[in-house]
């Protein structure tokens, strides 16, 4: 078992009733980068992106954006 950081983009946009494109516009983070984060396709997380997302959505606690979970995936 290993640990994995996940970015809760999908949950955030559902909760706020916005699209990934709208989050991209609000946060000034490329749509492709947000999509990769949302789908767990990014090996590295750019914390500048996390800051921009937090600012755009009025989030003050990083735990609302990212989570640390147990994973069976030993790729990382």
C-alpha atoms as a PDB file:
ATOM      1  CA  UNK A   1       0.000   0.000   0.000  1.00  0.00           C
ATOM      2  CA  UNK A   2       1.189   3.461  -0.815  1.00  0.00           C
ATOM      3  CA  UNK A   3      -0.193   6.928  -0.266  1.00  0.00           C
ATOM      4  CA  UNK A   4      -1.597   9.056  -3.055  1.00  0.00           C
ATOM      5  CA  UNK A   5      -2.534  12.719  -3.239  1.00  0.00           C
ATOM      6  CA  UNK A   6      -5.776  13.388  -5.082  1.00  0.00           C
ATOM      7  CA  UNK A   7      -7.120  16.741  -6.213  1.00  0.00           C
ATOM      8  CA  UNK A   8     -10.876  17.000  -5.666  1.00  0.00           C
ATOM      9  CA  UNK A   9     -11.632  19.116  -8.753  1.00  0.00           C
ATOM     10  CA  UNK A  10     -14.684  17.080  -9.786  1.00  0.00           C
ATOM     11  CA  UNK A  11     -16.267  17.417  -6.342  1.00  0.00           C
ATOM     12  CA  UNK A  12     -15.544  21.146  -6.223  1.00  0.00           C
ATOM     13  CA  UNK A  13     -17.127  21.951  -9.565  1.00  0.00           C
ATOM     14  CA  UNK A  14     -20.176  19.765  -8.806  1.00  0.00           C
ATOM     15  CA  UNK A  15     -20.684  21.490  -5.445  1.00  0.00           C
ATOM     16  CA  UNK A  16     -20.522  24.909  -7.082  1.00  0.00           C
ATOM     17  CA  UNK A  17     -22.490  24.016 -10.204  1.00  0.00           C
ATOM     18  CA  UNK A  18     -19.777  25.134 -12.613  1.00  0.00           C
ATOM     19  CA  UNK A  19     -17.951  23.434 -15.459  1.00  0.00           C
ATOM     20  CA  UNK A  20     -14.268  22.656 -15.748  1.00  0.00           C
ATOM     21  CA  UNK A  21     -14.082  25.360 -18.435  1.00  0.00           C
ATOM     22  CA  UNK A  22     -15.618  27.887 -16.057  1.00  0.00           C
ATOM     23  CA  UNK A  23     -13.102  26.936 -13.347  1.00  0.00           C
ATOM     24  CA  UNK A  24     -10.355  27.340 -15.920  1.00  0.00           C
ATOM     25  CA  UNK A  25     -11.592  30.829 -16.739  1.00  0.00           C
ATOM     26  CA  UNK A  26     -11.983  31.811 -13.080  1.00  0.00           C
ATOM     27  CA  UNK A  27      -8.638  30.429 -11.953  1.00  0.00           C
ATOM     28  CA  UNK A  28      -6.546  31.178 -15.041  1.00  0.00           C
ATOM     29  CA  UNK A  29      -5.358  27.556 -15.086  1.00  0.00           C
ATOM     30  CA  UNK A  30      -5.409  25.763 -18.431  1.00  0.00           C
ATOM     31  CA  UNK A  31      -8.432  23.505 -18.991  1.00  0.00           C
ATOM     32  CA  UNK A  32      -6.122  20.616 -19.927  1.00  0.00           C
ATOM     33  CA  UNK A  33      -4.197  20.953 -16.655  1.00  0.00           C
ATOM     34  CA  UNK A  34      -7.437  20.982 -14.639  1.00  0.00           C
ATOM     35  CA  UNK A  35      -8.720  17.956 -16.540  1.00  0.00           C
ATOM     36  CA  UNK A  36      -5.499  16.031 -15.849  1.00  0.00           C
ATOM     37  CA  UNK A  37      -5.714  16.935 -12.151  1.00  0.00           C
ATOM     38  CA  UNK A  38      -9.381  15.943 -11.983  1.00  0.00           C
ATOM     39  CA  UNK A  39      -8.700  12.579 -13.631  1.00  0.00           C
ATOM     40  CA  UNK A  40      -5.532  11.735 -11.686  1.00  0.00           C
ATOM     41  CA  UNK A  41      -3.454  11.869 -14.859  1.00  0.00           C
ATOM     42  CA  UNK A  42      -0.844  14.294 -13.495  1.00  0.00           C
ATOM     43  CA  UNK A  43       2.189  12.863 -11.733  1.00  0.00           C
ATOM     44  CA  UNK A  44       3.149  16.244 -10.262  1.00  0.00           C
ATOM     45  CA  UNK A  45       0.945  18.863  -8.688  1.00  0.00           C
ATOM     46  CA  UNK A  46       1.721  22.497  -9.336  1.00  0.00           C
ATOM     47  CA  UNK A  47       0.904  24.265  -6.085  1.00  0.00           C
ATOM     48  CA  UNK A  48       0.578  27.573  -7.907  1.00  0.00           C
ATOM     49  CA  UNK A  49      -2.422  25.951  -9.629  1.00  0.00           C
ATOM     50  CA  UNK A  50      -3.839  24.872  -6.256  1.00  0.00           C
ATOM     51  CA  UNK A  51      -3.488  28.462  -5.005  1.00  0.00           C
ATOM     52  CA  UNK A  52      -5.262  29.825  -8.089  1.00  0.00           C
ATOM     53  CA  UNK A  53      -8.095  27.313  -7.714  1.00  0.00           C
ATOM     54  CA  UNK A  54      -8.453  28.189  -4.026  1.00  0.00           C
ATOM     55  CA  UNK A  55      -8.558  31.911  -4.817  1.00  0.00           C
ATOM     56  CA  UNK A  56     -11.084  31.431  -7.622  1.00  0.00           C
ATOM     57  CA  UNK A  57     -13.417  29.369  -5.436  1.00  0.00           C
ATOM     58  CA  UNK A  58     -12.915  31.264  -2.176  1.00  0.00           C
ATOM     59  CA  UNK A  59     -11.374  28.252  -0.425  1.00  0.00           C
ATOM     60  CA  UNK A  60      -9.275  28.893   2.671  1.00  0.00           C
ATOM     61  CA  UNK A  61      -8.322  25.332   3.620  1.00  0.00           C
ATOM     62  CA  UNK A  62      -6.152  23.253   1.269  1.00  0.00           C
ATOM     63  CA  UNK A  63      -7.843  20.098   2.594  1.00  0.00           C
ATOM     64  CA  UNK A  64     -10.954  21.194   0.710  1.00  0.00           C
ATOM     65  CA  UNK A  65      -8.986  20.811  -2.531  1.00  0.00           C
ATOM     66  CA  UNK A  66      -6.600  17.914  -1.974  1.00  0.00           C
ATOM     67  CA  UNK A  67      -6.784  14.643  -0.073  1.00  0.00           C
ATOM     68  CA  UNK A  68      -4.236  12.017   0.939  1.00  0.00           C
ATOM     69  CA  UNK A  69      -5.482   8.446   0.502  1.00  0.00           C
ATOM     70  CA  UNK A  70      -4.260   4.854   0.674  1.00  0.00           C
ATOM     71  CA  UNK A  71      -3.646   3.429  -2.782  1.00  0.00           C
ATOM     72  CA  UNK A  72      -2.993  -0.016  -4.206  1.00  0.00           C
ATOM     73  CA  UNK A  73      -1.227   1.709  -7.093  1.00  0.00           C
ATOM     74  CA  UNK A  74       2.525   1.307  -6.608  1.00  0.00           C
ATOM     75  CA  UNK A  75       3.429   3.231  -9.790  1.00  0.00           C
ATOM     76  CA  UNK A  76       4.523   6.351  -7.891  1.00  0.00           C
END
